[in-house]
Amino acid sequence: MFYGESMVAIDDKGRMAMPVMHREALAQLCAGQLMVTYNPFEAQCLLLFPRGEWERIRDQLAGLKTFERAHREMVRKLVGAAHGVELDGQGRIVLPHSPRQVVGLERRGVLLGMGSKFELWTEAAHRAQMERPIDAADTTEAMRELDI
């Protein structure tokens, strides 16, 4: 299970070092093989999945009816635009140019461990997300049952 918030640097070649705290788990879980794709729900955020987790999601998405526009868009962003990447000997991955450009990731980003996956945000979008409280009207029954 991945957790935590890490500031990450992205060099001119798109290389980003995975935080040390996640490298061993990624090596064991997926031999350092990840899938990078768009977040279908957030504009300035990429998703990074261990390959096995992405394959599980890909297989679920294969069952969606493509005549539904939302289904096509979700498949397009999660499957059609996915890129396989692998941790190198220094614990880095190369983020593909197109997704970086589309979401606006340049020199720095914020990586969030989100359980079975990671979110990679631009600094400004991450700050805006964290500064905005959850509106009580937007909470679900499951959220209200949590003892937080």
C-alpha atoms as a PDB file:
ATOM      1  CA  MET A   1       0.000   0.000   0.000  1.00  0.00           C
ATOM      2  CA  PHE A   2       1.473   3.325  -1.077  1.00  0.00           C
ATOM      3  CA  TYR A   3       1.066   6.485   0.961  1.00  0.00           C
ATOM      4  CA  GLY A   4       2.740   9.819   1.518  1.00  0.00           C
ATOM      5  CA  GLU A   5       3.380  13.094  -0.253  1.00  0.00           C
ATOM      6  CA  SER A   6       6.725  13.687  -1.975  1.00  0.00           C
ATOM      7  CA  MET A   7       8.061  16.620  -3.949  1.00  0.00           C
ATOM      8  CA  VAL A   8       9.773  15.250  -7.049  1.00  0.00           C
ATOM      9  CA  ALA A   9      12.105  16.842  -9.583  1.00  0.00           C
ATOM     10  CA  ILE A  10      11.732  16.183 -13.306  1.00  0.00           C
ATOM     11  CA  ASP A  11      14.781  16.753 -15.492  1.00  0.00           C
ATOM     12  CA  ASP A  12      14.897  17.879 -19.134  1.00  0.00           C
ATOM     13  CA  LYS A  13      14.686  14.269 -20.313  1.00  0.00           C
ATOM     14  CA  GLY A  14      11.554  13.644 -18.249  1.00  0.00           C
ATOM     15  CA  ARG A  15      13.349  11.528 -15.650  1.00  0.00           C
ATOM     16  CA  MET A  16      11.851  11.466 -12.188  1.00  0.00           C
ATOM     17  CA  ALA A  17      13.318   9.641  -9.199  1.00  0.00           C
ATOM     18  CA  MET A  18      10.772   7.566  -7.331  1.00  0.00           C
ATOM     19  CA  PRO A  19      10.967   8.303  -3.609  1.00  0.00           C
ATOM     20  CA  VAL A  20      13.217   5.802  -1.837  1.00  0.00           C
ATOM     21  CA  MET A  21      10.374   4.750   0.466  1.00  0.00           C
ATOM     22  CA  HIS A  22       8.521   3.193  -2.523  1.00  0.00           C
ATOM     23  CA  ARG A  23      11.350   1.572  -4.486  1.00  0.00           C
ATOM     24  CA  GLU A  24      11.600  -1.731  -2.618  1.00  0.00           C
ATOM     25  CA  ALA A  25       7.831  -2.257  -2.673  1.00  0.00           C
ATOM     26  CA  LEU A  26       7.735  -1.510  -6.407  1.00  0.00           C
ATOM     27  CA  ALA A  27      10.620  -3.899  -7.057  1.00  0.00           C
ATOM     28  CA  GLN A  28       8.803  -6.701  -5.219  1.00  0.00           C
ATOM     29  CA  LEU A  29       5.302  -5.917  -6.463  1.00  0.00           C
ATOM     30  CA  CYS A  30       5.927  -5.310 -10.160  1.00  0.00           C
ATOM     31  CA  ALA A  31       9.685  -5.628 -10.792  1.00  0.00           C
ATOM     32  CA  GLY A  32       9.738  -1.826 -11.107  1.00  0.00           C
ATOM     33  CA  GLN A  33       7.339  -1.850 -14.068  1.00  0.00           C
ATOM     34  CA  LEU A  34       4.741   0.921 -13.979  1.00  0.00           C
ATOM     35  CA  MET A  35       2.082   2.317 -16.270  1.00  0.00           C
ATOM     36  CA  VAL A  36       1.705   6.094 -16.622  1.00  0.00           C
ATOM     37  CA  THR A  37      -1.589   7.489 -17.857  1.00  0.00           C
ATOM     38  CA  TYR A  38      -4.003  10.382 -17.506  1.00  0.00           C
ATOM     39  CA  ASN A  39      -6.265  10.814 -14.514  1.00  0.00           C
ATOM     40  CA  PRO A  40      -9.766  10.783 -16.047  1.00  0.00           C
ATOM     41  CA  PHE A  41     -11.143  12.872 -13.175  1.00  0.00           C
ATOM     42  CA  GLU A  42      -8.443  15.545 -12.682  1.00  0.00           C
ATOM     43  CA  ALA A  43      -6.927  17.788 -15.371  1.00  0.00           C
ATOM     44  CA  GLN A  44      -3.446  18.434 -13.956  1.00  0.00           C
ATOM     45  CA  CYS A  45      -2.678  14.967 -12.666  1.00  0.00           C
ATOM     46  CA  LEU A  46      -1.185  11.760 -14.025  1.00  0.00           C
ATOM     47  CA  LEU A  47      -1.737   8.306 -12.572  1.00  0.00           C
ATOM     48  CA  LEU A  48       1.085   5.809 -12.051  1.00  0.00           C
ATOM     49  CA  PHE A  49       0.079   2.184 -11.522  1.00  0.00           C
ATOM     50  CA  PRO A  50       2.156  -0.893 -10.791  1.00  0.00           C
ATOM     51  CA  ARG A  51       1.752  -2.879 -14.017  1.00  0.00           C
ATOM     52  CA  GLY A  52      -0.360  -5.648 -12.438  1.00  0.00           C
ATOM     53  CA  GLU A  53      -2.791  -3.148 -10.922  1.00  0.00           C
ATOM     54  CA  TRP A  54      -3.128  -1.338 -14.255  1.00  0.00           C
ATOM     55  CA  GLU A  55      -3.780  -4.670 -16.017  1.00  0.00           C
ATOM     56  CA  ARG A  56      -6.568  -5.426 -13.524  1.00  0.00           C
ATOM     57  CA  ILE A  57      -8.165  -2.039 -14.257  1.00  0.00           C
ATOM     58  CA  ARG A  58      -7.638  -2.457 -18.014  1.00  0.00           C
ATOM     59  CA  ASP A  59      -9.477  -5.780 -17.878  1.00  0.00           C
ATOM     60  CA  GLN A  60     -12.384  -4.196 -15.990  1.00  0.00           C
ATOM     61  CA  LEU A  61     -12.585  -1.375 -18.520  1.00  0.00           C
ATOM     62  CA  ALA A  62     -12.747  -3.898 -21.371  1.00  0.00           C
ATOM     63  CA  GLY A  63     -16.268  -4.731 -20.184  1.00  0.00           C
ATOM     64  CA  LEU A  64     -17.580  -1.194 -20.623  1.00  0.00           C
ATOM     65  CA  LYS A  65     -19.942  -0.495 -23.512  1.00  0.00           C
ATOM     66  CA  THR A  66     -18.159   1.868 -25.881  1.00  0.00           C
ATOM     67  CA  PHE A  67     -21.338   3.495 -27.169  1.00  0.00           C
ATOM     68  CA  GLU A  68     -21.396   5.466 -23.908  1.00  0.00           C
ATOM     69  CA  ARG A  69     -19.291   8.606 -24.300  1.00  0.00           C
ATOM     70  CA  ALA A  70     -18.049   8.580 -20.687  1.00  0.00           C
ATOM     71  CA  HIS A  71     -16.936   4.963 -21.134  1.00  0.00           C
ATOM     72  CA  ARG A  72     -14.969   5.807 -24.284  1.00  0.00           C
ATOM     73  CA  GLU A  73     -13.317   8.776 -22.570  1.00  0.00           C
ATOM     74  CA  MET A  74     -12.327   6.727 -19.549  1.00  0.00           C
ATOM     75  CA  VAL A  75     -10.876   3.932 -21.701  1.00  0.00           C
ATOM     76  CA  ARG A  76      -9.105   6.503 -23.884  1.00  0.00           C
ATOM     77  CA  LYS A  77      -7.416   8.138 -20.886  1.00  0.00           C
ATOM     78  CA  LEU A  78      -6.621   5.037 -18.829  1.00  0.00           C
ATOM     79  CA  VAL A  79      -5.805   2.531 -21.574  1.00  0.00           C
ATOM     80  CA  GLY A  80      -5.355   4.277 -24.914  1.00  0.00           C
ATOM     81  CA  ALA A  81      -2.918   6.859 -23.576  1.00  0.00           C
ATOM     82  CA  ALA A  82      -1.046   4.531 -21.200  1.00  0.00           C
ATOM     83  CA  HIS A  83       2.747   4.264 -21.360  1.00  0.00           C
ATOM     84  CA  GLY A  84       4.844   1.514 -19.808  1.00  0.00           C
ATOM     85  CA  VAL A  85       7.864   2.739 -17.836  1.00  0.00           C
ATOM     86  CA  GLU A  86      10.437   0.956 -15.701  1.00  0.00           C
ATOM     87  CA  LEU A  87      12.589   1.968 -12.766  1.00  0.00           C
ATOM     88  CA  ASP A  88      16.220   2.218 -13.849  1.00  0.00           C
ATOM     89  CA  GLY A  89      19.234   1.312 -11.718  1.00  0.00           C
ATOM     90  CA  GLN A  90      19.045   4.702  -9.994  1.00  0.00           C
ATOM     91  CA  GLY A  91      15.341   4.401  -9.113  1.00  0.00           C
ATOM     92  CA  ARG A  92      14.158   6.750 -11.858  1.00  0.00           C
ATOM     93  CA  ILE A  93      11.406   6.495 -14.432  1.00  0.00           C
ATOM     94  CA  VAL A  94      11.127   8.453 -17.666  1.00  0.00           C
ATOM     95  CA  LEU A  95       7.797  10.249 -17.857  1.00  0.00           C
ATOM     96  CA  PRO A  96       6.615  10.367 -21.482  1.00  0.00           C
ATOM     97  CA  HIS A  97       6.686  13.822 -23.073  1.00  0.00           C
ATOM     98  CA  SER A  98       3.064  14.032 -24.231  1.00  0.00           C
ATOM     99  CA  PRO A  99       1.397  13.364 -20.852  1.00  0.00           C
ATOM    100  CA  ARG A 100       3.833  15.734 -19.120  1.00  0.00           C
ATOM    101  CA  GLN A 101       3.009  18.457 -21.625  1.00  0.00           C
ATOM    102  CA  VAL A 102      -0.770  17.938 -21.499  1.00  0.00           C
ATOM    103  CA  VAL A 103      -0.997  18.157 -17.691  1.00  0.00           C
ATOM    104  CA  GLY A 104       1.638  20.895 -17.396  1.00  0.00           C
ATOM    105  CA  LEU A 105       4.334  19.003 -15.475  1.00  0.00           C
ATOM    106  CA  GLU A 106       7.621  20.770 -15.993  1.00  0.00           C
ATOM    107  CA  ARG A 107      10.478  20.808 -13.475  1.00  0.00           C
ATOM    108  CA  ARG A 108       8.715  19.747 -10.281  1.00  0.00           C
ATOM    109  CA  GLY A 109       5.692  17.767  -9.247  1.00  0.00           C
ATOM    110  CA  VAL A 110       4.036  16.257  -6.206  1.00  0.00           C
ATOM    111  CA  LEU A 111       3.725  12.478  -5.978  1.00  0.00           C
ATOM    112  CA  LEU A 112       1.000  11.121  -3.707  1.00  0.00           C
ATOM    113  CA  GLY A 113       0.797   7.482  -2.654  1.00  0.00           C
ATOM    114  CA  MET A 114      -2.881   6.581  -3.016  1.00  0.00           C
ATOM    115  CA  GLY A 115      -3.029   2.987  -1.833  1.00  0.00           C
ATOM    116  CA  SER A 116      -2.646   0.830  -4.940  1.00  0.00           C
ATOM    117  CA  LYS A 117      -1.468   3.658  -7.222  1.00  0.00           C
ATOM    118  CA  PHE A 118       0.190   7.077  -7.294  1.00  0.00           C
ATOM    119  CA  GLU A 119      -1.060  10.486  -8.378  1.00  0.00           C
ATOM    120  CA  LEU A 120       1.477  12.891  -9.889  1.00  0.00           C
ATOM    121  CA  TRP A 121       0.285  16.496  -9.688  1.00  0.00           C
ATOM    122  CA  THR A 122       1.618  19.824 -10.816  1.00  0.00           C
ATOM    123  CA  GLU A 123       2.614  21.840  -7.761  1.00  0.00           C
ATOM    124  CA  ALA A 124      -0.072  24.486  -8.312  1.00  0.00           C
ATOM    125  CA  ALA A 125      -2.891  21.975  -8.830  1.00  0.00           C
ATOM    126  CA  HIS A 126      -1.816  19.973  -5.782  1.00  0.00           C
ATOM    127  CA  ARG A 127      -1.763  23.105  -3.644  1.00  0.00           C
ATOM    128  CA  ALA A 128      -5.243  24.087  -4.864  1.00  0.00           C
ATOM    129  CA  GLN A 129      -6.578  20.588  -4.108  1.00  0.00           C
ATOM    130  CA  MET A 130      -5.159  20.566  -0.596  1.00  0.00           C
ATOM    131  CA  GLU A 131      -6.341  24.092   0.219  1.00  0.00           C
ATOM    132  CA  ARG A 132      -9.927  23.294  -0.784  1.00  0.00           C
ATOM    133  CA  PRO A 133     -11.857  21.566   2.005  1.00  0.00           C
ATOM    134  CA  ILE A 134     -14.344  18.825   1.254  1.00  0.00           C
ATOM    135  CA  ASP A 135     -17.819  20.332   1.250  1.00  0.00           C
ATOM    136  CA  ALA A 136     -20.109  18.478   3.653  1.00  0.00           C
ATOM    137  CA  ALA A 137     -22.746  18.358   0.895  1.00  0.00           C
ATOM    138  CA  ASP A 138     -20.333  16.325  -1.258  1.00  0.00           C
ATOM    139  CA  THR A 139     -19.733  13.578   1.290  1.00  0.00           C
ATOM    140  CA  THR A 140     -21.087  10.098   0.726  1.00  0.00           C
ATOM    141  CA  GLU A 141     -22.721   7.820   3.263  1.00  0.00           C
ATOM    142  CA  ALA A 142     -19.532   5.728   3.414  1.00  0.00           C
ATOM    143  CA  MET A 143     -17.512   8.869   4.205  1.00  0.00           C
ATOM    144  CA  ARG A 144     -19.926   9.900   6.943  1.00  0.00           C
ATOM    145  CA  GLU A 145     -19.561   6.487   8.601  1.00  0.00           C
ATOM    146  CA  LEU A 146     -15.788   6.884   8.985  1.00  0.00           C
ATOM    147  CA  ASP A 147     -14.549   7.749  12.464  1.00  0.00           C
ATOM    148  CA  ILE A 148     -12.105  10.515  11.507  1.00  0.00           C
END
